[in-house]
């Protein structure tokens, strides 16, 4: 989690630096391009974070499945029946 925060902080610093060094858009076409570039960057970052979250959820699901399997095996070895449904 701290890696993500550090990564975001670093990206924000880079973005702030690049924004402060860029001159203001001179016309509507430059402004439109500037906004599109910002939006594309935000979309790329959002997609990367979404992919990371989905990967972690999948990993957590696999770990939960493994835990359930191990608990069932331990209950079988101990001679305890599973919960009634």
PDB file of N, CA and C in Angstrom:
ATOM      1  N   UNK A   1       0.824  -1.178   0.000  1.00  0.00           N
ATOM      2  CA  UNK A   1       0.000   0.000   0.000  1.00  0.00           C
ATOM      3  C   UNK A   1       0.874   1.251   0.000  1.00  0.00           C
ATOM      4  N   UNK A   2       1.945   1.218   0.772  1.00  0.00           N
ATOM      5  CA  UNK A   2       2.827   2.384   0.808  1.00  0.00           C
ATOM      6  C   UNK A   2       3.500   2.602  -0.532  1.00  0.00           C
ATOM      7  N   UNK A   3       3.725   1.515  -1.297  1.00  0.00           N
ATOM      8  CA  UNK A   3       4.316   1.662  -2.625  1.00  0.00           C
ATOM      9  C   UNK A   3       3.394   2.462  -3.534  1.00  0.00           C
ATOM     10  N   UNK A   4       2.109   2.185  -3.456  1.00  0.00           N
ATOM     11  CA  UNK A   4       1.145   2.896  -4.296  1.00  0.00           C
ATOM     12  C   UNK A   4       1.127   4.370  -3.910  1.00  0.00           C
ATOM     13  N   UNK A   5       1.100   4.657  -2.587  1.00  0.00           N
ATOM     14  CA  UNK A   5       1.083   6.046  -2.140  1.00  0.00           C
ATOM     15  C   UNK A   5       2.340   6.763  -2.585  1.00  0.00           C
ATOM     16  N   UNK A   6       3.488   6.084  -2.459  1.00  0.00           N
ATOM     17  CA  UNK A   6       4.748   6.706  -2.857  1.00  0.00           C
ATOM     18  C   UNK A   6       4.761   6.928  -4.362  1.00  0.00           C
ATOM     19  N   UNK A   7       4.248   5.938  -5.121  1.00  0.00           N
ATOM     20  CA  UNK A   7       4.203   6.061  -6.573  1.00  0.00           C
ATOM     21  C   UNK A   7       3.323   7.234  -6.982  1.00  0.00           C
ATOM     22  N   UNK A   8       2.160   7.355  -6.340  1.00  0.00           N
ATOM     23  CA  UNK A   8       1.248   8.443  -6.659  1.00  0.00           C
ATOM     24  C   UNK A   8       1.894   9.778  -6.311  1.00  0.00           C
ATOM     25  N   UNK A   9       2.535   9.853  -5.136  1.00  0.00           N
ATOM     26  CA  UNK A   9       3.175  11.100  -4.722  1.00  0.00           C
ATOM     27  C   UNK A   9       4.244  11.500  -5.730  1.00  0.00           C
ATOM     28  N   UNK A  10       5.051  10.529  -6.161  1.00  0.00           N
ATOM     29  CA  UNK A  10       6.113  10.813  -7.127  1.00  0.00           C
ATOM     30  C   UNK A  10       5.517  11.289  -8.441  1.00  0.00           C
ATOM     31  N   UNK A  11       4.453  10.640  -8.902  1.00  0.00           N
ATOM     32  CA  UNK A  11       3.812  11.041 -10.154  1.00  0.00           C
ATOM     33  C   UNK A  11       3.204  12.431 -10.023  1.00  0.00           C
ATOM     34  N   UNK A  12       2.611  12.729  -8.869  1.00  0.00           N
ATOM     35  CA  UNK A  12       2.037  14.052  -8.665  1.00  0.00           C
ATOM     36  C   UNK A  12       3.124  15.117  -8.684  1.00  0.00           C
ATOM     37  N   UNK A  13       4.262  14.825  -8.068  1.00  0.00           N
ATOM     38  CA  UNK A  13       5.360  15.785  -8.074  1.00  0.00           C
ATOM     39  C   UNK A  13       5.841  16.032  -9.496  1.00  0.00           C
ATOM     40  N   UNK A  14       5.964  14.960 -10.284  1.00  0.00           N
ATOM     41  CA  UNK A  14       6.395  15.103 -11.676  1.00  0.00           C
ATOM     42  C   UNK A  14       5.376  15.907 -12.468  1.00  0.00           C
ATOM     43  N   UNK A  15       4.102  15.618 -12.247  1.00  0.00           N
ATOM     44  CA  UNK A  15       3.054  16.327 -12.974  1.00  0.00           C
ATOM     45  C   UNK A  15       3.052  17.810 -12.589  1.00  0.00           C
ATOM     46  N   UNK A  16       3.176  18.090 -11.286  1.00  0.00           N
ATOM     47  CA  UNK A  16       3.211  19.487 -10.839  1.00  0.00           C
ATOM     48  C   UNK A  16       4.409  20.209 -11.428  1.00  0.00           C
ATOM     49  N   UNK A  17       5.541  19.534 -11.486  1.00  0.00           N
ATOM     50  CA  UNK A  17       6.749  20.127 -12.043  1.00  0.00           C
ATOM     51  C   UNK A  17       6.549  20.430 -13.525  1.00  0.00           C
ATOM     52  N   UNK A  18       5.993  19.446 -14.259  1.00  0.00           N
ATOM     53  CA  UNK A  18       5.810  19.658 -15.695  1.00  0.00           C
ATOM     54  C   UNK A  18       4.758  20.729 -15.955  1.00  0.00           C
ATOM     55  N   UNK A  19       3.739  20.802 -15.096  1.00  0.00           N
ATOM     56  CA  UNK A  19       2.696  21.815 -15.286  1.00  0.00           C
ATOM     57  C   UNK A  19       3.249  23.210 -15.007  1.00  0.00           C
ATOM     58  N   UNK A  20       4.122  23.319 -14.019  1.00  0.00           N
ATOM     59  CA  UNK A  20       4.655  24.633 -13.691  1.00  0.00           C
ATOM     60  C   UNK A  20       5.655  25.107 -14.737  1.00  0.00           C
ATOM     61  N   UNK A  21       6.256  24.168 -15.474  1.00  0.00           N
ATOM     62  CA  UNK A  21       7.231  24.538 -16.500  1.00  0.00           C
ATOM     63  C   UNK A  21       6.592  24.758 -17.869  1.00  0.00           C
ATOM     64  N   UNK A  22       5.357  24.290 -18.039  1.00  0.00           N
ATOM     65  CA  UNK A  22       4.672  24.496 -19.315  1.00  0.00           C
ATOM     66  C   UNK A  22       4.072  25.890 -19.348  1.00  0.00           C
ATOM     67  N   UNK A  23       4.114  26.477 -20.518  1.00  0.00           N
ATOM     68  CA  UNK A  23       3.459  27.776 -20.652  1.00  0.00           C
ATOM     69  C   UNK A  23       1.963  27.546 -20.788  1.00  0.00           C
ATOM     70  N   UNK A  24       1.200  28.554 -20.470  1.00  0.00           N
ATOM     71  CA  UNK A  24      -0.248  28.449 -20.579  1.00  0.00           C
ATOM     72  C   UNK A  24      -0.631  28.262 -22.039  1.00  0.00           C
ATOM     73  N   UNK A  25      -1.695  27.486 -22.276  1.00  0.00           N
ATOM     74  CA  UNK A  25      -2.153  27.311 -23.658  1.00  0.00           C
ATOM     75  C   UNK A  25      -2.513  28.653 -24.277  1.00  0.00           C
ATOM     76  N   UNK A  26      -2.143  28.831 -25.522  1.00  0.00           N
ATOM     77  CA  UNK A  26      -2.349  30.122 -26.191  1.00  0.00           C
ATOM     78  C   UNK A  26      -3.695  30.207 -26.912  1.00  0.00           C
ATOM     79  N   UNK A  27      -4.234  29.050 -27.284  1.00  0.00           N
ATOM     80  CA  UNK A  27      -5.512  29.086 -27.993  1.00  0.00           C
ATOM     81  C   UNK A  27      -6.347  27.864 -27.613  1.00  0.00           C
ATOM     82  N   UNK A  28      -7.532  27.802 -28.168  1.00  0.00           N
ATOM     83  CA  UNK A  28      -8.464  26.737 -27.823  1.00  0.00           C
ATOM     84  C   UNK A  28      -7.940  25.368 -28.229  1.00  0.00           C
ATOM     85  N   UNK A  29      -7.258  25.273 -29.361  1.00  0.00           N
ATOM     86  CA  UNK A  29      -6.730  23.991 -29.818  1.00  0.00           C
ATOM     87  C   UNK A  29      -5.672  23.473 -28.840  1.00  0.00           C
ATOM     88  N   UNK A  30      -4.793  24.339 -28.378  1.00  0.00           N
ATOM     89  CA  UNK A  30      -3.773  23.923 -27.412  1.00  0.00           C
ATOM     90  C   UNK A  30      -4.416  23.534 -26.086  1.00  0.00           C
ATOM     91  N   UNK A  31      -5.426  24.278 -25.673  1.00  0.00           N
ATOM     92  CA  UNK A  31      -6.129  23.968 -24.438  1.00  0.00           C
ATOM     93  C   UNK A  31      -6.817  22.609 -24.538  1.00  0.00           C
ATOM     94  N   UNK A  32      -7.467  22.366 -25.665  1.00  0.00           N
ATOM     95  CA  UNK A  32      -8.135  21.085 -25.884  1.00  0.00           C
ATOM     96  C   UNK A  32      -7.127  19.943 -25.828  1.00  0.00           C
ATOM     97  N   UNK A  33      -5.999  20.091 -26.489  1.00  0.00           N
ATOM     98  CA  UNK A  33      -4.959  19.057 -26.481  1.00  0.00           C
ATOM     99  C   UNK A  33      -4.428  18.838 -25.071  1.00  0.00           C
ATOM    100  N   UNK A  34      -4.221  19.928 -24.349  1.00  0.00           N
ATOM    101  CA  UNK A  34      -3.716  19.857 -22.975  1.00  0.00           C
ATOM    102  C   UNK A  34      -4.686  19.079 -22.083  1.00  0.00           C
ATOM    103  N   UNK A  35      -5.977  19.399 -22.183  1.00  0.00           N
ATOM    104  CA  UNK A  35      -6.992  18.717 -21.377  1.00  0.00           C
ATOM    105  C   UNK A  35      -7.077  17.249 -21.771  1.00  0.00           C
ATOM    106  N   UNK A  36      -7.034  16.952 -23.061  1.00  0.00           N
ATOM    107  CA  UNK A  36      -7.084  15.557 -23.498  1.00  0.00           C
ATOM    108  C   UNK A  36      -5.890  14.772 -22.973  1.00  0.00           C
ATOM    109  N   UNK A  37      -4.730  15.390 -22.973  1.00  0.00           N
ATOM    110  CA  UNK A  37      -3.531  14.726 -22.452  1.00  0.00           C
ATOM    111  C   UNK A  37      -3.672  14.449 -20.957  1.00  0.00           C
ATOM    112  N   UNK A  38      -4.181  15.429 -20.216  1.00  0.00           N
ATOM    113  CA  UNK A  38      -4.396  15.226 -18.783  1.00  0.00           C
ATOM    114  C   UNK A  38      -5.399  14.111 -18.522  1.00  0.00           C
ATOM    115  N   UNK A  39      -6.502  14.126 -19.262  1.00  0.00           N
ATOM    116  CA  UNK A  39      -7.526  13.097 -19.084  1.00  0.00           C
ATOM    117  C   UNK A  39      -6.999  11.707 -19.441  1.00  0.00           C
ATOM    118  N   UNK A  40      -6.200  11.611 -20.492  1.00  0.00           N
ATOM    119  CA  UNK A  40      -5.632  10.322 -20.882  1.00  0.00           C
ATOM    120  C   UNK A  40      -4.688   9.817 -19.793  1.00  0.00           C
ATOM    121  N   UNK A  41      -3.897  10.718 -19.232  1.00  0.00           N
ATOM    122  CA  UNK A  41      -2.999  10.330 -18.141  1.00  0.00           C
ATOM    123  C   UNK A  41      -3.767   9.834 -16.932  1.00  0.00           C
ATOM    124  N   UNK A  42      -4.851  10.516 -16.595  1.00  0.00           N
ATOM    125  CA  UNK A  42      -5.684  10.095 -15.475  1.00  0.00           C
ATOM    126  C   UNK A  42      -6.322   8.740 -15.752  1.00  0.00           C
ATOM    127  N   UNK A  43      -6.788   8.544 -16.981  1.00  0.00           N
ATOM    128  CA  UNK A  43      -7.406   7.276 -17.342  1.00  0.00           C
ATOM    129  C   UNK A  43      -6.388   6.143 -17.268  1.00  0.00           C
ATOM    130  N   UNK A  44      -5.176   6.374 -17.726  1.00  0.00           N
ATOM    131  CA  UNK A  44      -4.127   5.357 -17.668  1.00  0.00           C
ATOM    132  C   UNK A  44      -3.805   4.979 -16.221  1.00  0.00           C
ATOM    133  N   UNK A  45      -3.707   5.988 -15.358  1.00  0.00           N
ATOM    134  CA  UNK A  45      -3.423   5.727 -13.948  1.00  0.00           C
ATOM    135  C   UNK A  45      -4.571   4.962 -13.296  1.00  0.00           C
ATOM    136  N   UNK A  46      -5.797   5.352 -13.609  1.00  0.00           N
ATOM    137  CA  UNK A  46      -6.963   4.673 -13.057  1.00  0.00           C
ATOM    138  C   UNK A  46      -6.992   3.216 -13.500  1.00  0.00           C
ATOM    139  N   UNK A  47      -6.689   2.969 -14.771  1.00  0.00           N
ATOM    140  CA  UNK A  47      -6.690   1.601 -15.290  1.00  0.00           C
ATOM    141  C   UNK A  47      -5.614   0.766 -14.600  1.00  0.00           C
ATOM    142  N   UNK A  48      -4.440   1.335 -14.401  1.00  0.00           N
ATOM    143  CA  UNK A  48      -3.357   0.608 -13.738  1.00  0.00           C
ATOM    144  C   UNK A  48      -3.747   0.260 -12.299  1.00  0.00           C
ATOM    145  N   UNK A  49      -4.351   1.218 -11.606  1.00  0.00           N
ATOM    146  CA  UNK A  49      -4.779   0.949 -10.232  1.00  0.00           C
ATOM    147  C   UNK A  49      -5.896  -0.087 -10.198  1.00  0.00           C
ATOM    148  N   UNK A  50      -6.819  -0.019 -11.142  1.00  0.00           N
ATOM    149  CA  UNK A  50      -7.904  -0.996 -11.212  1.00  0.00           C
ATOM    150  C   UNK A  50      -7.343  -2.392 -11.451  1.00  0.00           C
ATOM    151  N   UNK A  51      -6.374  -2.498 -12.341  1.00  0.00           N
ATOM    152  CA  UNK A  51      -5.739  -3.795 -12.615  1.00  0.00           C
ATOM    153  C   UNK A  51      -5.059  -4.347 -11.370  1.00  0.00           C
ATOM    154  N   UNK A  52      -4.379  -3.475 -10.612  1.00  0.00           N
ATOM    155  CA  UNK A  52      -3.725  -3.911  -9.378  1.00  0.00           C
ATOM    156  C   UNK A  52      -4.750  -4.402  -8.362  1.00  0.00           C
ATOM    157  N   UNK A  53      -5.854  -3.700  -8.236  1.00  0.00           N
ATOM    158  CA  UNK A  53      -6.891  -4.088  -7.283  1.00  0.00           C
ATOM    159  C   UNK A  53      -7.488  -5.433  -7.669  1.00  0.00           C
ATOM    160  N   UNK A  54      -7.797  -5.616  -8.947  1.00  0.00           N
ATOM    161  CA  UNK A  54      -8.377  -6.881  -9.403  1.00  0.00           C
ATOM    162  C   UNK A  54      -7.413  -8.030  -9.177  1.00  0.00           C
ATOM    163  N   UNK A  55      -6.133  -7.815  -9.443  1.00  0.00           N
ATOM    164  CA  UNK A  55      -5.129  -8.852  -9.220  1.00  0.00           C
ATOM    165  C   UNK A  55      -5.076  -9.228  -7.745  1.00  0.00           C
ATOM    166  N   UNK A  56      -5.092  -8.237  -6.871  1.00  0.00           N
ATOM    167  CA  UNK A  56      -5.044  -8.515  -5.429  1.00  0.00           C
ATOM    168  C   UNK A  56      -6.301  -9.233  -4.957  1.00  0.00           C
ATOM    169  N   UNK A  57      -7.451  -8.869  -5.493  1.00  0.00           N
ATOM    170  CA  UNK A  57      -8.694  -9.551  -5.126  1.00  0.00           C
ATOM    171  C   UNK A  57      -8.644 -11.005  -5.573  1.00  0.00           C
ATOM    172  N   UNK A  58      -8.150 -11.270  -6.775  1.00  0.00           N
ATOM    173  CA  UNK A  58      -8.011 -12.640  -7.263  1.00  0.00           C
ATOM    174  C   UNK A  58      -7.074 -13.445  -6.371  1.00  0.00           C
ATOM    175  N   UNK A  59      -5.941 -12.826  -5.991  1.00  0.00           N
ATOM    176  CA  UNK A  59      -4.991 -13.513  -5.110  1.00  0.00           C
ATOM    177  C   UNK A  59      -5.635 -13.817  -3.762  1.00  0.00           C
ATOM    178  N   UNK A  60      -6.397 -12.858  -3.225  1.00  0.00           N
ATOM    179  CA  UNK A  60      -7.065 -13.065  -1.952  1.00  0.00           C
ATOM    180  C   UNK A  60      -8.091 -14.193  -2.061  1.00  0.00           C
ATOM    181  N   UNK A  61      -8.814 -14.243  -3.164  1.00  0.00           N
ATOM    182  CA  UNK A  61      -9.789 -15.314  -3.381  1.00  0.00           C
ATOM    183  C   UNK A  61      -9.117 -16.672  -3.407  1.00  0.00           C
ATOM    184  N   UNK A  62      -7.964 -16.754  -4.066  1.00  0.00           N
ATOM    185  CA  UNK A  62      -7.230 -18.019  -4.103  1.00  0.00           C
ATOM    186  C   UNK A  62      -6.759 -18.428  -2.718  1.00  0.00           C
ATOM    187  N   UNK A  63      -6.299 -17.453  -1.945  1.00  0.00           N
ATOM    188  CA  UNK A  63      -5.839 -17.757  -0.590  1.00  0.00           C
ATOM    189  C   UNK A  63      -6.997 -18.218   0.290  1.00  0.00           C
ATOM    190  N   UNK A  64      -8.162 -17.603   0.123  1.00  0.00           N
ATOM    191  CA  UNK A  64      -9.338 -18.020   0.899  1.00  0.00           C
ATOM    192  C   UNK A  64      -9.741 -19.447   0.519  1.00  0.00           C
ATOM    193  N   UNK A  65      -9.719 -19.753  -0.777  1.00  0.00           N
ATOM    194  CA  UNK A  65     -10.029 -21.111  -1.221  1.00  0.00           C
ATOM    195  C   UNK A  65      -9.070 -22.119  -0.600  1.00  0.00           C
ATOM    196  N   UNK A  66      -7.774 -21.779  -0.571  1.00  0.00           N
ATOM    197  CA  UNK A  66      -6.779 -22.664   0.039  1.00  0.00           C
ATOM    198  C   UNK A  66      -7.038 -22.853   1.530  1.00  0.00           C
ATOM    199  N   UNK A  67      -7.391 -21.763   2.215  1.00  0.00           N
ATOM    200  CA  UNK A  67      -7.700 -21.859   3.644  1.00  0.00           C
ATOM    201  C   UNK A  67      -8.900 -22.771   3.897  1.00  0.00           C
ATOM    202  N   UNK A  68      -9.946 -22.608   3.092  1.00  0.00           N
ATOM    203  CA  UNK A  68     -11.131 -23.452   3.246  1.00  0.00           C
ATOM    204  C   UNK A  68     -10.775 -24.927   3.029  1.00  0.00           C
ATOM    205  N   UNK A  69      -9.961 -25.179   2.032  1.00  0.00           N
ATOM    206  CA  UNK A  69      -9.544 -26.555   1.755  1.00  0.00           C
ATOM    207  C   UNK A  69      -8.742 -27.115   2.927  1.00  0.00           C
ATOM    208  N   UNK A  70      -7.804 -26.331   3.456  1.00  0.00           N
ATOM    209  CA  UNK A  70      -6.991 -26.789   4.578  1.00  0.00           C
ATOM    210  C   UNK A  70      -7.832 -27.019   5.830  1.00  0.00           C
ATOM    211  N   UNK A  71      -8.794 -26.151   6.081  1.00  0.00           N
ATOM    212  CA  UNK A  71      -9.672 -26.315   7.244  1.00  0.00           C
ATOM    213  C   UNK A  71     -10.487 -27.586   7.111  1.00  0.00           C
ATOM    214  N   UNK A  72     -10.999 -27.834   5.918  1.00  0.00           N
ATOM    215  CA  UNK A  72     -11.775 -29.055   5.684  1.00  0.00           C
ATOM    216  C   UNK A  72     -10.918 -30.291   5.911  1.00  0.00           C
ATOM    217  N   UNK A  73      -9.686 -30.258   5.412  1.00  0.00           N
ATOM    218  CA  UNK A  73      -8.779 -31.393   5.610  1.00  0.00           C
ATOM    219  C   UNK A  73      -8.476 -31.605   7.090  1.00  0.00           C
ATOM    220  N   UNK A  74      -8.231 -30.511   7.818  1.00  0.00           N
ATOM    221  CA  UNK A  74      -7.953 -30.624   9.250  1.00  0.00           C
ATOM    222  C   UNK A  74      -9.161 -31.168  10.010  1.00  0.00           C
ATOM    223  N   UNK A  75     -10.354 -30.716   9.643  1.00  0.00           N
ATOM    224  CA  UNK A  75     -11.565 -31.217  10.297  1.00  0.00           C
ATOM    225  C   UNK A  75     -11.753 -32.703  10.023  1.00  0.00           C
ATOM    226  N   UNK A  76     -11.453 -33.127   8.791  1.00  0.00           N
ATOM    227  CA  UNK A  76     -11.565 -34.541   8.443  1.00  0.00           C
ATOM    228  C   UNK A  76     -10.563 -35.360   9.253  1.00  0.00           C
ATOM    229  N   UNK A  77      -9.330 -34.872   9.345  1.00  0.00           N
ATOM    230  CA  UNK A  77      -8.308 -35.577  10.125  1.00  0.00           C
ATOM    231  C   UNK A  77      -8.677 -35.642  11.599  1.00  0.00           C
ATOM    232  N   UNK A  78      -9.341 -34.622  12.112  1.00  0.00           N
ATOM    233  CA  UNK A  78      -9.726 -34.601  13.527  1.00  0.00           C
ATOM    234  C   UNK A  78     -10.993 -35.382  13.773  1.00  0.00           C
ATOM    235  N   UNK A  79     -11.662 -35.829  12.722  1.00  0.00           N
ATOM    236  CA  UNK A  79     -12.893 -36.610  12.888  1.00  0.00           C
ATOM    237  C   UNK A  79     -14.107 -35.752  13.158  1.00  0.00           C
ATOM    238  N   UNK A  80     -14.020 -34.473  12.846  1.00  0.00           N
ATOM    239  CA  UNK A  80     -15.136 -33.556  13.047  1.00  0.00           C
ATOM    240  C   UNK A  80     -15.903 -33.450  11.741  1.00  0.00           C
ATOM    241  N   UNK A  81     -17.244 -33.540  11.854  1.00  0.00           N
ATOM    242  CA  UNK A  81     -18.040 -33.405  10.649  1.00  0.00           C
ATOM    243  C   UNK A  81     -18.193 -31.925  10.280  1.00  0.00           C
ATOM    244  N   UNK A  82     -18.436 -31.672   9.020  1.00  0.00           N
ATOM    245  CA  UNK A  82     -18.611 -30.309   8.544  1.00  0.00           C
ATOM    246  C   UNK A  82     -19.897 -29.716   9.064  1.00  0.00           C
ATOM    247  N   UNK A  83     -20.072 -28.423   8.903  1.00  0.00           N
ATOM    248  CA  UNK A  83     -21.298 -27.756   9.371  1.00  0.00           C
ATOM    249  C   UNK A  83     -22.523 -28.261   8.601  1.00  0.00           C
ATOM    250  N   UNK A  84     -23.626 -28.371   9.317  1.00  0.00           N
ATOM    251  CA  UNK A  84     -24.858 -28.806   8.648  1.00  0.00           C
ATOM    252  C   UNK A  84     -25.459 -27.661   7.879  1.00  0.00           C
ATOM    253  N   UNK A  85     -25.986 -27.969   6.708  1.00  0.00           N
ATOM    254  CA  UNK A  85     -26.582 -26.924   5.858  1.00  0.00           C
ATOM    255  C   UNK A  85     -28.050 -27.152   5.706  1.00  0.00           C
TER     256      UNK A  85
END
